[in-house]
Amino acid sequence: MPPRTPPIGGSVDRSAWSKRTRFLAVDCGSPHVGLTDGVGARFARLESPLTDKRRSLRDAIAEHVHDGDAIALGLALESGIPFAAVHELIRQQRRDLTLIGPISDMAFDQLIAAGTVAKVIAAWVGNVAGGSGYGFRRAYEQGVPRRIVMEDHSNFTVGLALKAAAMGLPYLPTLTGIGGDIVRGHPRIRPVDDPFGGPPLLAVGALKPDVAIIHVQRADAQGNTHLWGNLGLTVEAAYAARRTIVICEEVVPDEVIRSDPNRTVIPGFLTTAVVEEPGGALPSSVQGYWRRDFEPFLRYHQISRSVEGFQAWLREWVLDLPDRPAYLRHMGDAALERLRVRDRRLAAAANFAP
């Protein structure tokens, strides 16, 4: 594979790069899934590795998230939830979205209660600190503010569905779920025979988001991304999605990324836009940067019990604030200082010399 960036002081052979990307497009296509549907399509649309993909959050959402899109987010379970993007989706009044994720904490609940969502494909929707997601329950049980469709999964089957799409496969087989109620009548999980004569299996159909929105510690301007701590389904979703928006605590020089290639979990050729948004995952945690802020989760659990309470919360924390910096100012310096990680627990150095 050609290098993502040229050697320091060197340059990229563009003709060689073009030939290699054509090879990758052919090599990564699946015999079962067309090039436009599988991961090979992402390779086929490779841009120059030197493309500067930095955008504001407002512009990234406006350009790359459309009404009716299927969006994967909240992929690292309770950490790194891109709440800044969630609130921007609400401000931009996106509609008819499909949400994809494992445990999204209250991010899905906020989007549902704001009327942006038509369908949810998830293992659980609620508020980990409080329990029920009242916005989700009102929508599913009462059609308030609108009726939503639910495709129920376990955390594992959501992961398998995204992994299948990331690999360009129509499905992945599994033993998990056999005999469980979740499989009965499921639109994406079906029984199949083992071609090698073993016991029956379940096939989990591929799930390809239009957009994956992820929050990470750092990335370079080209979208090469470092992420550590709990990864959850972040990598699977980034490879499966047609577009990937990377929101990071800081944009760093590309030599920082190159210094630790094994931590580059998402390469730049999969990244559509890079947004530098410090604190963009609060009140969820970001390993090495922010602690989890429990108080907003508990406050939201209480106030969102009623439609009127949710609307009051929505005005205060989303609609009356133009962007994430305004949100952080509304939190106050004392809260930010309390949540900021000051401890240093560094990994051991690794020698990458040849």
Foldseek 3Di string as FASTA:
>chain_A
DDDLADPVVDHDPVVVVVVVLVVQLVVLADPAFGSCQALSVLSVPFDRSPDQFADALLVCCVVQPAAQFEEEFLQLAQFFGQLQNLLSCLQVLHAAYEYAYEHNAASVLLCQQSHRYAEYEYADHAHVLQDHSQSVCCQPPPQVVHHHYYQHDHLVLSLQQLQCRLSNHQWDKDAPPVPHPSQVVHPFKDWDPDPVHDDIIITGGHDAGQEYEGEAAEEASLGQGFHDDRCRSVLSRLSRHNEYEYEHCYHDHVVVCVQCVVRRSDRSSSHNHYHNDRVSGPCGHGPQFWHHDSVVSVVCSVQVNDSVSSVVVSCVQRNVAPGRVSNVVVVPPVVNVVTTDPDDDDDDDDDPDD
